[in-house]
Amino acid sequence: MTEKEKMMAGVLYDANNDPQLMAERLECKELCRDYNNLRPKDTAGRKALLHKIIGRIAGELIIEQPFYCDYGYNIKVGENFYANFNMVILDEAPVTFGDNVFIAPNCGFYTAGHPLNPVERNKGLEYGRPITIGDNVWIGAGVHVLPGVTIGDNCVIGCGSVVVRDIPANSVAVGNPCKVVKSITQ
């Protein structure tokens, strides 16, 4: 099994020494740099580069500059997606955003994790766990979503939250660690 196959399977893999993964991350960094250096008025160029970077785009999207990700091909974006400045996505595993997702500035989505054992960690081993964001979700400024988390439909995640476990649909959740503080009722 290659290191990339291990990464895609969600098992420990060597991210730091595998030539294929290193080359893919480098290529993605180049594309992100090109994207981040485009003039904001160059909407056609920005859209074209996002379609090169992101694995699947279902509809209209705006990602404000700067934007950073590791591979890009593991990111899936639904319709009507908006992300403000400084979004970071470490997409060692799939990161899926539903429709009508709005992300405030300085948010991060991190699928990569490292072993607690320092011997394994110091070898450069890591794993990826998918992140799923449902439809109609609003994520406040400075939110960090950790590996393996699912945020259900219609949620609001408050500013500065660190989301370490799943958030059920129709919830307002805040804090570090992020916890549900109320349900959203129609």
Protein backbone atom coordinates (compact mmCIF):
# COMPACT_ATOMS: atom_id res chain seq x y z
CA MET A 1 0.00 0.00 0.00
CA THR A 2 1.44 3.41 -0.95
CA GLU A 3 1.58 6.27 1.53
CA LYS A 4 -1.15 8.05 -0.43
CA GLU A 5 -3.35 4.93 -0.29
CA LYS A 6 -2.77 4.81 3.47
CA MET A 7 -3.67 8.49 3.73
CA MET A 8 -6.88 7.97 1.78
CA ALA A 9 -7.74 4.92 3.93
CA GLY A 10 -7.36 6.92 7.16
CA VAL A 11 -4.50 4.88 8.60
CA LEU A 12 -1.09 6.09 9.77
CA TYR A 13 1.12 7.14 6.87
CA ASP A 14 4.37 8.99 6.31
CA ALA A 15 3.51 12.51 5.18
CA ASN A 16 6.99 13.97 5.52
CA ASN A 17 9.11 11.62 3.42
CA ASP A 18 6.86 10.33 0.65
CA PRO A 19 7.89 11.90 -2.69
CA GLN A 20 4.39 11.66 -4.22
CA LEU A 21 2.63 13.36 -1.30
CA MET A 22 5.37 15.96 -1.01
CA ALA A 23 5.05 16.78 -4.72
CA GLU A 24 1.23 16.98 -4.52
CA ARG A 25 1.38 19.36 -1.54
CA LEU A 26 3.99 21.49 -3.29
CA GLU A 27 1.85 21.72 -6.43
CA CYS A 28 -1.17 22.73 -4.35
CA LYS A 29 0.91 25.36 -2.52
CA GLU A 30 1.94 26.80 -5.88
CA LEU A 31 -1.69 26.98 -7.01
CA CYS A 32 -2.74 28.58 -3.72
CA ARG A 33 0.05 31.13 -4.05
CA ASP A 34 -1.08 31.94 -7.60
CA TYR A 35 -4.66 32.29 -6.35
CA ASN A 36 -3.69 34.49 -3.41
CA ASN A 37 -1.65 36.77 -5.68
CA LEU A 38 -4.46 37.45 -8.13
CA ARG A 39 -6.05 40.86 -8.04
CA PRO A 40 -9.40 40.77 -6.22
CA LYS A 41 -11.18 42.16 -9.31
CA ASP A 42 -9.94 39.21 -11.41
CA THR A 43 -13.03 37.15 -10.64
CA ALA A 44 -12.66 34.97 -13.75
CA GLY A 45 -9.05 34.11 -12.88
CA ARG A 46 -9.93 33.44 -9.25
CA LYS A 47 -12.78 31.14 -10.26
CA ALA A 48 -10.59 29.27 -12.76
CA LEU A 49 -7.85 28.66 -10.17
CA LEU A 50 -10.33 27.51 -7.54
CA HIS A 51 -11.60 24.94 -10.04
CA LYS A 52 -8.00 23.71 -10.42
CA ILE A 53 -7.41 23.57 -6.65
CA ILE A 54 -10.67 22.19 -5.25
CA GLY A 55 -11.71 18.62 -6.00
CA ARG A 56 -15.44 19.24 -6.53
CA ILE A 57 -17.42 22.45 -6.77
CA ALA A 58 -21.19 22.02 -7.13
CA GLY A 59 -22.17 25.64 -7.74
CA GLU A 60 -21.23 29.23 -7.13
CA LEU A 61 -18.56 29.98 -4.57
CA ILE A 62 -16.46 32.82 -3.28
CA ILE A 63 -13.30 32.22 -1.29
CA GLU A 64 -11.64 35.43 -0.24
CA GLN A 65 -7.87 35.66 -0.41
CA PRO A 66 -5.73 34.39 1.19
CA PHE A 67 -6.76 30.75 1.15
CA TYR A 68 -4.55 27.75 1.89
CA CYS A 69 -4.97 23.99 1.63
CA ASP A 70 -2.71 20.94 1.48
CA TYR A 71 -3.97 18.91 -1.48
CA GLY A 72 -7.22 20.46 -2.68
CA TYR A 73 -8.53 17.30 -4.31
CA ASN A 74 -10.07 16.14 -1.02
CA ILE A 75 -12.26 19.27 -0.74
CA LYS A 76 -15.90 19.17 -1.90
CA VAL A 77 -18.00 22.33 -1.89
CA GLY A 78 -21.77 22.56 -2.32
CA GLU A 79 -23.75 25.38 -3.89
CA ASN A 80 -23.68 28.98 -2.66
CA PHE A 81 -20.46 28.72 -0.65
CA TYR A 82 -18.73 31.73 0.89
CA ALA A 83 -15.48 31.80 2.89
CA ASN A 84 -13.96 35.01 4.17
CA PHE A 85 -10.24 35.84 4.53
CA ASN A 86 -7.63 33.37 5.82
CA MET A 87 -9.38 30.03 5.49
CA VAL A 88 -7.06 27.05 5.97
CA ILE A 89 -8.04 23.49 5.05
CA LEU A 90 -5.68 20.62 5.83
CA ASP A 91 -7.36 18.09 3.57
CA GLU A 92 -5.48 14.87 4.23
CA ALA A 93 -8.97 13.32 4.40
CA PRO A 94 -12.18 14.49 2.71
CA VAL A 95 -13.55 17.88 3.75
CA THR A 96 -17.14 18.24 2.56
CA PHE A 97 -19.16 21.45 2.74
CA GLY A 98 -22.90 21.34 2.01
CA ASP A 99 -25.00 23.99 0.31
CA ASN A 100 -25.34 27.54 1.67
CA VAL A 101 -22.29 27.42 3.93
CA PHE A 102 -20.90 30.72 5.16
CA ILE A 103 -17.49 30.88 6.84
CA ALA A 104 -16.19 33.97 8.63
CA PRO A 105 -12.52 35.06 8.63
CA ASN A 106 -9.63 33.08 10.11
CA CYS A 107 -11.24 29.64 10.18
CA GLY A 108 -9.44 26.32 9.91
CA PHE A 109 -10.55 22.81 9.04
CA TYR A 110 -7.91 20.26 10.03
CA THR A 111 -8.30 16.60 9.06
CA ALA A 112 -4.69 15.77 9.95
CA GLY A 113 -3.82 14.28 13.32
CA HIS A 114 -0.66 12.86 14.81
CA PRO A 115 0.02 9.94 17.14
CA LEU A 116 0.17 10.69 20.84
CA ASN A 117 3.21 8.42 21.08
CA PRO A 118 6.24 10.71 20.51
CA VAL A 119 8.31 7.99 18.84
CA GLU A 120 5.68 7.50 16.11
CA ARG A 121 4.98 11.22 15.89
CA ASN A 122 8.69 12.04 15.47
CA LYS A 123 8.86 9.65 12.51
CA GLY A 124 6.53 12.02 10.66
CA LEU A 125 3.54 9.71 10.87
CA GLU A 126 0.04 11.14 10.77
CA TYR A 127 -3.53 10.17 9.96
CA GLY A 128 -6.53 11.93 8.44
CA ARG A 129 -10.16 11.90 9.58
CA PRO A 130 -12.90 13.42 7.40
CA ILE A 131 -14.74 16.62 8.24
CA THR A 132 -18.33 17.13 7.09
CA ILE A 133 -20.21 20.42 7.26
CA GLY A 134 -23.95 20.18 6.50
CA ASP A 135 -26.24 22.53 4.58
CA ASN A 136 -27.14 26.04 5.77
CA VAL A 137 -24.26 26.29 8.25
CA TRP A 138 -22.75 29.54 9.48
CA ILE A 139 -19.29 29.31 11.04
CA GLY A 140 -18.16 32.36 13.01
CA ALA A 141 -14.75 34.00 12.95
CA GLY A 142 -11.74 32.14 14.28
CA VAL A 143 -13.39 28.72 14.45
CA HIS A 144 -11.19 25.61 14.29
CA VAL A 145 -12.72 22.27 13.30
CA LEU A 146 -10.67 19.21 14.25
CA PRO A 147 -10.30 15.78 12.58
CA GLY A 148 -13.35 13.56 12.29
CA VAL A 149 -15.98 16.19 13.12
CA THR A 150 -19.42 16.45 11.53
CA ILE A 151 -21.45 19.63 11.89
CA GLY A 152 -25.11 19.01 11.08
CA ASP A 153 -27.47 21.02 8.89
CA ASN A 154 -28.65 24.49 9.93
CA CYS A 155 -26.00 24.97 12.64
CA VAL A 156 -24.37 28.16 13.85
CA ILE A 157 -20.90 27.82 15.35
CA GLY A 158 -19.91 30.82 17.49
CA CYS A 159 -16.73 32.84 17.06
CA GLY A 160 -13.55 31.39 18.49
CA SER A 161 -14.94 27.89 18.94
CA VAL A 162 -12.78 24.79 18.79
CA VAL A 163 -14.99 21.99 17.47
CA VAL A 164 -13.64 18.69 18.78
CA ARG A 165 -16.77 16.51 18.45
CA ASP A 166 -19.87 16.27 16.29
CA ILE A 167 -22.51 19.00 16.51
CA PRO A 168 -26.10 17.84 15.84
CA ALA A 169 -28.29 19.55 13.25
CA ASN A 170 -30.23 22.68 14.21
CA SER A 171 -27.83 23.71 16.97
CA VAL A 172 -26.07 26.83 18.13
CA ALA A 173 -22.72 25.77 19.56
CA VAL A 174 -19.87 27.81 21.05
CA GLY A 175 -16.73 27.52 23.11
CA ASN A 176 -13.53 25.62 23.62
CA PRO A 177 -14.38 22.83 23.49
CA CYS A 178 -17.42 23.72 21.41
CA LYS A 179 -20.72 22.72 23.04
CA VAL A 180 -24.35 23.08 22.04
CA VAL A 181 -25.96 25.98 23.90
CA LYS A 182 -29.39 25.92 22.28
CA SER A 183 -31.47 24.36 19.55
CA ILE A 184 -32.66 26.28 16.53
CA THR A 185 -36.43 25.91 16.14
CA GLN A 186 -38.45 27.11 13.18
